[in-house]
Amino acid sequence: MAYQKISHDVKLAAIRLYERQLLRLQEILDCCSISKRTWFRILKLWRETGDVVNHPTGIRARARQLDREDLDYLLQLIRSNPDYFLDELVTLLHTN
């Protein structure tokens, strides 16, 4: 099956048909032109988020590894001694 955009309404209708057991899964997939792989992706998303569409958060970067206290501590270290190497800062951050 080639890529095709499945509307939000069709996905919701398929979920409702499935949850209310009004049609067998294969009949739902045939009527809505949804592949099994896509169906299970939609179902997983529905169960995890309560929606059938993945809404991006707008943040495409890595999750932060340091909290605000860690950043403040690093800034304090750098201001007190700007000659620290990165490995020294990492060691101080882990030990303190």
PDB file of N, CA and C in Angstrom:
ATOM      1  N   MET A   1       0.839  -1.163   0.000  1.00  0.00           N
ATOM      2  CA  MET A   1       0.000   0.000   0.000  1.00  0.00           C
ATOM      3  C   MET A   1       0.892   1.235   0.000  1.00  0.00           C
ATOM      4  N   ALA A   2       0.659   2.176  -0.877  1.00  0.00           N
ATOM      5  CA  ALA A   2       1.453   3.389  -0.961  1.00  0.00           C
ATOM      6  C   ALA A   2       1.067   4.347   0.149  1.00  0.00           C
ATOM      7  N   TYR A   3       1.945   5.298   0.412  1.00  0.00           N
ATOM      8  CA  TYR A   3       1.679   6.277   1.460  1.00  0.00           C
ATOM      9  C   TYR A   3       0.432   7.074   1.122  1.00  0.00           C
ATOM     10  N   GLN A   4      -0.445   7.176   2.113  1.00  0.00           N
ATOM     11  CA  GLN A   4      -1.622   8.022   1.964  1.00  0.00           C
ATOM     12  C   GLN A   4      -1.941   8.634   3.315  1.00  0.00           C
ATOM     13  N   LYS A   5      -2.369   9.865   3.309  1.00  0.00           N
ATOM     14  CA  LYS A   5      -2.722  10.537   4.558  1.00  0.00           C
ATOM     15  C   LYS A   5      -4.105  10.080   4.976  1.00  0.00           C
ATOM     16  N   ILE A   6      -4.203   9.619   6.193  1.00  0.00           N
ATOM     17  CA  ILE A   6      -5.473   9.173   6.749  1.00  0.00           C
ATOM     18  C   ILE A   6      -5.961  10.280   7.674  1.00  0.00           C
ATOM     19  N   SER A   7      -7.164  10.757   7.440  1.00  0.00           N
ATOM     20  CA  SER A   7      -7.663  11.888   8.204  1.00  0.00           C
ATOM     21  C   SER A   7      -7.894  11.523   9.664  1.00  0.00           C
ATOM     22  N   HIS A   8      -7.877  12.529  10.483  1.00  0.00           N
ATOM     23  CA  HIS A   8      -8.103  12.390  11.911  1.00  0.00           C
ATOM     24  C   HIS A   8      -9.464  11.747  12.176  1.00  0.00           C
ATOM     25  N   ASP A   9     -10.489  12.173  11.437  1.00  0.00           N
ATOM     26  CA  ASP A   9     -11.847  11.644  11.625  1.00  0.00           C
ATOM     27  C   ASP A   9     -11.933  10.154  11.321  1.00  0.00           C
ATOM     28  N   VAL A  10     -11.258   9.729  10.258  1.00  0.00           N
ATOM     29  CA  VAL A  10     -11.286   8.311   9.889  1.00  0.00           C
ATOM     30  C   VAL A  10     -10.593   7.475  10.963  1.00  0.00           C
ATOM     31  N   LYS A  11      -9.491   7.973  11.482  1.00  0.00           N
ATOM     32  CA  LYS A  11      -8.782   7.257  12.537  1.00  0.00           C
ATOM     33  C   LYS A  11      -9.657   7.124  13.782  1.00  0.00           C
ATOM     34  N   LEU A  12     -10.310   8.224  14.170  1.00  0.00           N
ATOM     35  CA  LEU A  12     -11.190   8.178  15.335  1.00  0.00           C
ATOM     36  C   LEU A  12     -12.367   7.234  15.120  1.00  0.00           C
ATOM     37  N   ALA A  13     -12.938   7.265  13.924  1.00  0.00           N
ATOM     38  CA  ALA A  13     -14.055   6.370  13.620  1.00  0.00           C
ATOM     39  C   ALA A  13     -13.605   4.913  13.708  1.00  0.00           C
ATOM     40  N   ALA A  14     -12.431   4.608  13.202  1.00  0.00           N
ATOM     41  CA  ALA A  14     -11.910   3.247  13.247  1.00  0.00           C
ATOM     42  C   ALA A  14     -11.693   2.807  14.701  1.00  0.00           C
ATOM     43  N   ILE A  15     -11.163   3.698  15.520  1.00  0.00           N
ATOM     44  CA  ILE A  15     -10.956   3.384  16.938  1.00  0.00           C
ATOM     45  C   ILE A  15     -12.294   3.098  17.616  1.00  0.00           C
ATOM     46  N   ARG A  16     -13.287   3.937  17.344  1.00  0.00           N
ATOM     47  CA  ARG A  16     -14.605   3.740  17.978  1.00  0.00           C
ATOM     48  C   ARG A  16     -15.250   2.435  17.534  1.00  0.00           C
ATOM     49  N   LEU A  17     -15.147   2.126  16.250  1.00  0.00           N
ATOM     50  CA  LEU A  17     -15.698   0.856  15.761  1.00  0.00           C
ATOM     51  C   LEU A  17     -15.021  -0.330  16.431  1.00  0.00           C
ATOM     52  N   TYR A  18     -13.722  -0.223  16.601  1.00  0.00           N
ATOM     53  CA  TYR A  18     -12.955  -1.307  17.198  1.00  0.00           C
ATOM     54  C   TYR A  18     -13.289  -1.470  18.687  1.00  0.00           C
ATOM     55  N   GLU A  19     -13.309  -0.344  19.414  1.00  0.00           N
ATOM     56  CA  GLU A  19     -13.550  -0.417  20.853  1.00  0.00           C
ATOM     57  C   GLU A  19     -14.963  -0.882  21.184  1.00  0.00           C
ATOM     58  N   ARG A  20     -15.923  -0.523  20.345  1.00  0.00           N
ATOM     59  CA  ARG A  20     -17.314  -0.939  20.586  1.00  0.00           C
ATOM     60  C   ARG A  20     -17.637  -2.294  19.964  1.00  0.00           C
ATOM     61  N   GLN A  21     -16.632  -2.859  19.322  1.00  0.00           N
ATOM     62  CA  GLN A  21     -16.744  -4.182  18.693  1.00  0.00           C
ATOM     63  C   GLN A  21     -17.924  -4.253  17.725  1.00  0.00           C
ATOM     64  N   LEU A  22     -18.078  -3.189  16.929  1.00  0.00           N
ATOM     65  CA  LEU A  22     -19.156  -3.148  15.944  1.00  0.00           C
ATOM     66  C   LEU A  22     -18.784  -3.893  14.672  1.00  0.00           C
ATOM     67  N   LEU A  23     -17.493  -3.918  14.364  1.00  0.00           N
ATOM     68  CA  LEU A  23     -16.998  -4.647  13.197  1.00  0.00           C
ATOM     69  C   LEU A  23     -15.729  -5.390  13.601  1.00  0.00           C
ATOM     70  N   ARG A  24     -15.422  -6.445  12.823  1.00  0.00           N
ATOM     71  CA  ARG A  24     -14.149  -7.137  13.037  1.00  0.00           C
ATOM     72  C   ARG A  24     -13.020  -6.229  12.558  1.00  0.00           C
ATOM     73  N   LEU A  25     -11.851  -6.463  13.097  1.00  0.00           N
ATOM     74  CA  LEU A  25     -10.702  -5.622  12.773  1.00  0.00           C
ATOM     75  C   LEU A  25     -10.436  -5.584  11.277  1.00  0.00           C
ATOM     76  N   GLN A  26     -10.473  -6.737  10.624  1.00  0.00           N
ATOM     77  CA  GLN A  26     -10.181  -6.773   9.193  1.00  0.00           C
ATOM     78  C   GLN A  26     -11.195  -5.957   8.387  1.00  0.00           C
ATOM     79  N   GLU A  27     -12.451  -5.971   8.806  1.00  0.00           N
ATOM     80  CA  GLU A  27     -13.472  -5.175   8.124  1.00  0.00           C
ATOM     81  C   GLU A  27     -13.219  -3.681   8.305  1.00  0.00           C
ATOM     82  N   ILE A  28     -12.802  -3.298   9.511  1.00  0.00           N
ATOM     83  CA  ILE A  28     -12.484  -1.887   9.767  1.00  0.00           C
ATOM     84  C   ILE A  28     -11.317  -1.446   8.889  1.00  0.00           C
ATOM     85  N   LEU A  29     -10.284  -2.283   8.826  1.00  0.00           N
ATOM     86  CA  LEU A  29      -9.108  -1.941   8.025  1.00  0.00           C
ATOM     87  C   LEU A  29      -9.461  -1.837   6.547  1.00  0.00           C
ATOM     88  N   ASP A  30     -10.304  -2.723   6.063  1.00  0.00           N
ATOM     89  CA  ASP A  30     -10.709  -2.688   4.658  1.00  0.00           C
ATOM     90  C   ASP A  30     -11.548  -1.451   4.349  1.00  0.00           C
ATOM     91  N   CYS A  31     -12.501  -1.146   5.220  1.00  0.00           N
ATOM     92  CA  CYS A  31     -13.390   0.005   4.993  1.00  0.00           C
ATOM     93  C   CYS A  31     -12.629   1.328   5.043  1.00  0.00           C
ATOM     94  N   CYS A  32     -11.676   1.417   5.945  1.00  0.00           N
ATOM     95  CA  CYS A  32     -10.949   2.676   6.144  1.00  0.00           C
ATOM     96  C   CYS A  32      -9.658   2.745   5.340  1.00  0.00           C
ATOM     97  N   SER A  33      -9.343   1.681   4.630  1.00  0.00           N
ATOM     98  CA  SER A  33      -8.091   1.609   3.848  1.00  0.00           C
ATOM     99  C   SER A  33      -6.864   1.870   4.719  1.00  0.00           C
ATOM    100  N   ILE A  34      -6.800   1.151   5.831  1.00  0.00           N
ATOM    101  CA  ILE A  34      -5.683   1.275   6.754  1.00  0.00           C
ATOM    102  C   ILE A  34      -4.948  -0.062   6.790  1.00  0.00           C
ATOM    103  N   SER A  35      -3.627  -0.011   6.726  1.00  0.00           N
ATOM    104  CA  SER A  35      -2.844  -1.244   6.836  1.00  0.00           C
ATOM    105  C   SER A  35      -2.779  -1.674   8.298  1.00  0.00           C
ATOM    106  N   LYS A  36      -2.460  -2.941   8.530  1.00  0.00           N
ATOM    107  CA  LYS A  36      -2.365  -3.433   9.908  1.00  0.00           C
ATOM    108  C   LYS A  36      -1.279  -2.699  10.690  1.00  0.00           C
ATOM    109  N   ARG A  37      -0.168  -2.465  10.030  1.00  0.00           N
ATOM    110  CA  ARG A  37       0.935  -1.783  10.695  1.00  0.00           C
ATOM    111  C   ARG A  37       0.522  -0.377  11.136  1.00  0.00           C
ATOM    112  N   THR A  38      -0.150   0.346  10.241  1.00  0.00           N
ATOM    113  CA  THR A  38      -0.622   1.684  10.574  1.00  0.00           C
ATOM    114  C   THR A  38      -1.662   1.613  11.678  1.00  0.00           C
ATOM    115  N   TRP A  39      -2.545   0.615  11.599  1.00  0.00           N
ATOM    116  CA  TRP A  39      -3.581   0.459  12.618  1.00  0.00           C
ATOM    117  C   TRP A  39      -2.984   0.302  14.013  1.00  0.00           C
ATOM    118  N   PHE A  40      -1.994  -0.550  14.146  1.00  0.00           N
ATOM    119  CA  PHE A  40      -1.416  -0.781  15.466  1.00  0.00           C
ATOM    120  C   PHE A  40      -0.634   0.435  15.954  1.00  0.00           C
ATOM    121  N   ARG A  41      -0.081   1.222  15.032  1.00  0.00           N
ATOM    122  CA  ARG A  41       0.578   2.467  15.414  1.00  0.00           C
ATOM    123  C   ARG A  41      -0.465   3.463  15.938  1.00  0.00           C
ATOM    124  N   ILE A  42      -1.612   3.555  15.243  1.00  0.00           N
ATOM    125  CA  ILE A  42      -2.695   4.445  15.671  1.00  0.00           C
ATOM    126  C   ILE A  42      -3.246   3.999  17.024  1.00  0.00           C
ATOM    127  N   LEU A  43      -3.466   2.705  17.180  1.00  0.00           N
ATOM    128  CA  LEU A  43      -4.012   2.167  18.422  1.00  0.00           C
ATOM    129  C   LEU A  43      -3.071   2.415  19.600  1.00  0.00           C
ATOM    130  N   LYS A  44      -1.779   2.231  19.381  1.00  0.00           N
ATOM    131  CA  LYS A  44      -0.788   2.482  20.433  1.00  0.00           C
ATOM    132  C   LYS A  44      -0.806   3.952  20.837  1.00  0.00           C
ATOM    133  N   LEU A  45      -0.845   4.831  19.852  1.00  0.00           N
ATOM    134  CA  LEU A  45      -0.881   6.258  20.115  1.00  0.00           C
ATOM    135  C   LEU A  45      -2.152   6.627  20.879  1.00  0.00           C
ATOM    136  N   TRP A  46      -3.269   6.036  20.492  1.00  0.00           N
ATOM    137  CA  TRP A  46      -4.543   6.288  21.165  1.00  0.00           C
ATOM    138  C   TRP A  46      -4.478   5.871  22.634  1.00  0.00           C
ATOM    139  N   ARG A  47      -3.897   4.704  22.892  1.00  0.00           N
ATOM    140  CA  ARG A  47      -3.827   4.209  24.268  1.00  0.00           C
ATOM    141  C   ARG A  47      -2.838   4.994  25.114  1.00  0.00           C
ATOM    142  N   GLU A  48      -1.781   5.507  24.500  1.00  0.00           N
ATOM    143  CA  GLU A  48      -0.770   6.239  25.257  1.00  0.00           C
ATOM    144  C   GLU A  48      -1.141   7.700  25.488  1.00  0.00           C
ATOM    145  N   THR A  49      -1.771   8.344  24.496  1.00  0.00           N
ATOM    146  CA  THR A  49      -2.003   9.785  24.578  1.00  0.00           C
ATOM    147  C   THR A  49      -3.470  10.186  24.592  1.00  0.00           C
ATOM    148  N   GLY A  50      -4.352   9.278  24.172  1.00  0.00           N
ATOM    149  CA  GLY A  50      -5.759   9.641  24.085  1.00  0.00           C
ATOM    150  C   GLY A  50      -6.104  10.360  22.801  1.00  0.00           C
ATOM    151  N   ASP A  51      -5.170  10.410  21.875  1.00  0.00           N
ATOM    152  CA  ASP A  51      -5.407  11.017  20.567  1.00  0.00           C
ATOM    153  C   ASP A  51      -4.817  10.114  19.497  1.00  0.00           C
ATOM    154  N   VAL A  52      -5.291  10.272  18.277  1.00  0.00           N
ATOM    155  CA  VAL A  52      -4.829   9.411  17.188  1.00  0.00           C
ATOM    156  C   VAL A  52      -3.776  10.089  16.318  1.00  0.00           C
ATOM    157  N   VAL A  53      -3.432  11.313  16.659  1.00  0.00           N
ATOM    158  CA  VAL A  53      -2.437  12.069  15.908  1.00  0.00           C
ATOM    159  C   VAL A  53      -1.313  12.438  16.856  1.00  0.00           C
ATOM    160  N   ASN A  54      -0.093  12.262  16.414  1.00  0.00           N
ATOM    161  CA  ASN A  54       1.062  12.614  17.209  1.00  0.00           C
ATOM    162  C   ASN A  54       1.309  14.108  17.082  1.00  0.00           C
ATOM    163  N   HIS A  55       1.162  14.830  18.181  1.00  0.00           N
ATOM    164  CA  HIS A  55       1.382  16.271  18.170  1.00  0.00           C
ATOM    165  C   HIS A  55       2.808  16.546  18.603  1.00  0.00           C
ATOM    166  N   PRO A  56       3.638  17.051  17.704  1.00  0.00           N
ATOM    167  CA  PRO A  56       5.018  17.329  18.088  1.00  0.00           C
ATOM    168  C   PRO A  56       5.073  18.440  19.135  1.00  0.00           C
ATOM    169  N   THR A  57       6.041  18.348  20.006  1.00  0.00           N
ATOM    170  CA  THR A  57       6.171  19.327  21.082  1.00  0.00           C
ATOM    171  C   THR A  57       6.838  20.609  20.610  1.00  0.00           C
ATOM    172  N   GLY A  58       7.416  20.583  19.433  1.00  0.00           N
ATOM    173  CA  GLY A  58       8.112  21.756  18.940  1.00  0.00           C
ATOM    174  C   GLY A  58       9.580  21.751  19.321  1.00  0.00           C
ATOM    175  N   ILE A  59       9.956  20.858  20.215  1.00  0.00           N
ATOM    176  CA  ILE A  59      11.350  20.759  20.644  1.00  0.00           C
ATOM    177  C   ILE A  59      11.968  19.573  19.919  1.00  0.00           C
ATOM    178  N   ARG A  60      12.987  19.846  19.129  1.00  0.00           N
ATOM    179  CA  ARG A  60      13.613  18.785  18.363  1.00  0.00           C
ATOM    180  C   ARG A  60      15.008  18.461  18.855  1.00  0.00           C
ATOM    181  N   ALA A  61      15.390  19.032  19.972  1.00  0.00           N
ATOM    182  CA  ALA A  61      16.731  18.802  20.505  1.00  0.00           C
ATOM    183  C   ALA A  61      16.712  17.659  21.511  1.00  0.00           C
ATOM    184  N   ARG A  62      17.881  17.321  21.991  1.00  0.00           N
ATOM    185  CA  ARG A  62      17.984  16.304  23.039  1.00  0.00           C
ATOM    186  C   ARG A  62      17.350  16.804  24.330  1.00  0.00           C
ATOM    187  N   ALA A  63      16.897  15.865  25.124  1.00  0.00           N
ATOM    188  CA  ALA A  63      16.394  16.223  26.453  1.00  0.00           C
ATOM    189  C   ALA A  63      17.564  16.698  27.302  1.00  0.00           C
ATOM    190  N   ARG A  64      17.315  17.624  28.172  1.00  0.00           N
ATOM    191  CA  ARG A  64      18.374  18.171  28.999  1.00  0.00           C
ATOM    192  C   ARG A  64      18.845  17.151  30.021  1.00  0.00           C
ATOM    193  N   GLN A  65      20.143  17.099  30.207  1.00  0.00           N
ATOM    194  CA  GLN A  65      20.740  16.179  31.163  1.00  0.00           C
ATOM    195  C   GLN A  65      21.030  16.861  32.498  1.00  0.00           C
ATOM    196  N   LEU A  66      21.086  18.194  32.487  1.00  0.00           N
ATOM    197  CA  LEU A  66      21.411  18.948  33.695  1.00  0.00           C
ATOM    198  C   LEU A  66      20.196  19.751  34.140  1.00  0.00           C
ATOM    199  N   ASP A  67      20.014  19.843  35.436  1.00  0.00           N
ATOM    200  CA  ASP A  67      18.942  20.696  35.927  1.00  0.00           C
ATOM    201  C   ASP A  67      19.502  22.079  36.260  1.00  0.00           C
ATOM    202  N   ARG A  68      18.659  22.948  36.741  1.00  0.00           N
ATOM    203  CA  ARG A  68      19.054  24.333  36.988  1.00  0.00           C
ATOM    204  C   ARG A  68      20.171  24.438  38.038  1.00  0.00           C
ATOM    205  N   GLU A  69      20.102  23.616  39.066  1.00  0.00           N
ATOM    206  CA  GLU A  69      21.132  23.655  40.105  1.00  0.00           C
ATOM    207  C   GLU A  69      22.497  23.267  39.554  1.00  0.00           C
ATOM    208  N   ASP A  70      22.528  22.273  38.666  1.00  0.00           N
ATOM    209  CA  ASP A  70      23.790  21.860  38.039  1.00  0.00           C
ATOM    210  C   ASP A  70      24.372  22.987  37.199  1.00  0.00           C
ATOM    211  N   LEU A  71      23.519  23.646  36.446  1.00  0.00           N
ATOM    212  CA  LEU A  71      23.998  24.753  35.608  1.00  0.00           C
ATOM    213  C   LEU A  71      24.530  25.907  36.450  1.00  0.00           C
ATOM    214  N   ASP A  72      23.815  26.229  37.527  1.00  0.00           N
ATOM    215  CA  ASP A  72      24.282  27.304  38.407  1.00  0.00           C
ATOM    216  C   ASP A  72      25.633  26.950  39.028  1.00  0.00           C
ATOM    217  N   TYR A  73      25.783  25.689  39.427  1.00  0.00           N
ATOM    218  CA  TYR A  73      27.050  25.239  40.019  1.00  0.00           C
ATOM    219  C   TYR A  73      28.193  25.339  38.999  1.00  0.00           C
ATOM    220  N   LEU A  74      27.934  24.909  37.766  1.00  0.00           N
ATOM    221  CA  LEU A  74      28.965  25.006  36.726  1.00  0.00           C
ATOM    222  C   LEU A  74      29.349  26.457  36.454  1.00  0.00           C
ATOM    223  N   LEU A  75      28.373  27.328  36.384  1.00  0.00           N
ATOM    224  CA  LEU A  75      28.676  28.751  36.172  1.00  0.00           C
ATOM    225  C   LEU A  75      29.513  29.324  37.316  1.00  0.00           C
ATOM    226  N   GLN A  76      29.183  28.917  38.527  1.00  0.00           N
ATOM    227  CA  GLN A  76      29.952  29.370  39.689  1.00  0.00           C
ATOM    228  C   GLN A  76      31.398  28.883  39.600  1.00  0.00           C
ATOM    229  N   LEU A  77      31.583  27.624  39.211  1.00  0.00           N
ATOM    230  CA  LEU A  77      32.943  27.082  39.055  1.00  0.00           C
ATOM    231  C   LEU A  77      33.726  27.825  37.982  1.00  0.00           C
ATOM    232  N   ILE A  78      33.095  28.078  36.874  1.00  0.00           N
ATOM    233  CA  ILE A  78      33.785  28.734  35.751  1.00  0.00           C
ATOM    234  C   ILE A  78      34.133  30.168  36.106  1.00  0.00           C
ATOM    235  N   ARG A  79      33.232  30.844  36.807  1.00  0.00           N
ATOM    236  CA  ARG A  79      33.527  32.229  37.212  1.00  0.00           C
ATOM    237  C   ARG A  79      34.681  32.285  38.222  1.00  0.00           C
ATOM    238  N   SER A  80      34.734  31.296  39.110  1.00  0.00           N
ATOM    239  CA  SER A  80      35.801  31.304  40.115  1.00  0.00           C
ATOM    240  C   SER A  80      37.143  30.875  39.537  1.00  0.00           C
ATOM    241  N   ASN A  81      37.117  29.989  38.527  1.00  0.00           N
ATOM    242  CA  ASN A  81      38.358  29.537  37.915  1.00  0.00           C
ATOM    243  C   ASN A  81      38.097  29.251  36.428  1.00  0.00           C
ATOM    244  N   PRO A  82      38.300  30.241  35.576  1.00  0.00           N
ATOM    245  CA  PRO A  82      38.008  30.070  34.147  1.00  0.00           C
ATOM    246  C   PRO A  82      38.982  29.145  33.406  1.00  0.00           C
ATOM    247  N   ASP A  83      40.021  28.663  34.102  1.00  0.00           N
ATOM    248  CA  ASP A  83      41.006  27.802  33.454  1.00  0.00           C
ATOM    249  C   ASP A  83      40.679  26.314  33.555  1.00  0.00           C
ATOM    250  N   TYR A  84      39.533  25.960  34.138  1.00  0.00           N
ATOM    251  CA  TYR A  84      39.138  24.550  34.224  1.00  0.00           C
ATOM    252  C   TYR A  84      38.959  23.963  32.827  1.00  0.00           C
ATOM    253  N   PHE A  85      39.386  22.710  32.681  1.00  0.00           N
ATOM    254  CA  PHE A  85      39.101  21.970  31.458  1.00  0.00           C
ATOM    255  C   PHE A  85      37.740  21.290  31.614  1.00  0.00           C
ATOM    256  N   LEU A  86      37.151  20.874  30.517  1.00  0.00           N
ATOM    257  CA  LEU A  86      35.822  20.262  30.567  1.00  0.00           C
ATOM    258  C   LEU A  86      35.792  18.991  31.403  1.00  0.00           C
ATOM    259  N   ASP A  87      36.843  18.178  31.273  1.00  0.00           N
ATOM    260  CA  ASP A  87      36.849  16.934  32.060  1.00  0.00           C
ATOM    261  C   ASP A  87      36.914  17.227  33.560  1.00  0.00           C
ATOM    262  N   GLU A  88      37.598  18.304  33.932  1.00  0.00           N
ATOM    263  CA  GLU A  88      37.639  18.697  35.342  1.00  0.00           C
ATOM    264  C   GLU A  88      36.268  19.164  35.826  1.00  0.00           C
ATOM    265  N   LEU A  89      35.569  19.907  34.972  1.00  0.00           N
ATOM    266  CA  LEU A  89      34.220  20.370  35.329  1.00  0.00           C
ATOM    267  C   LEU A  89      33.263  19.195  35.495  1.00  0.00           C
ATOM    268  N   VAL A  90      33.381  18.218  34.614  1.00  0.00           N
ATOM    269  CA  VAL A  90      32.525  17.035  34.695  1.00  0.00           C
ATOM    270  C   VAL A  90      32.795  16.277  35.983  1.00  0.00           C
ATOM    271  N   THR A  91      34.065  16.116  36.320  1.00  0.00           N
ATOM    272  CA  THR A  91      34.429  15.416  37.553  1.00  0.00           C
ATOM    273  C   THR A  91      33.897  16.163  38.781  1.00  0.00           C
ATOM    274  N   LEU A  92      34.065  17.472  38.805  1.00  0.00           N
ATOM    275  CA  LEU A  92      33.566  18.267  39.923  1.00  0.00           C
ATOM    276  C   LEU A  92      32.034  18.203  40.012  1.00  0.00           C
ATOM    277  N   LEU A  93      31.395  18.190  38.882  1.00  0.00           N
ATOM    278  CA  LEU A  93      29.925  18.109  38.870  1.00  0.00           C
ATOM    279  C   LEU A  93      29.448  16.776  39.428  1.00  0.00           C
ATOM    280  N   HIS A  94      30.140  15.697  39.068  1.00  0.00           N
ATOM    281  CA  HIS A  94      29.753  14.370  39.563  1.00  0.00           C
ATOM    282  C   HIS A  94      30.039  14.195  41.049  1.00  0.00           C
ATOM    283  N   THR A  95      31.180  14.736  41.500  1.00  0.00           N
ATOM    284  CA  THR A  95      31.562  14.519  42.903  1.00  0.00           C
ATOM    285  C   THR A  95      30.858  15.462  43.849  1.00  0.00           C
ATOM    286  N   ASN A  96      30.498  16.641  43.391  1.00  0.00           N
ATOM    287  CA  ASN A  96      29.872  17.628  44.287  1.00  0.00           C
ATOM    288  C   ASN A  96      28.391  17.635  44.024  1.00  0.00           C
TER     289      ASN A  96
END
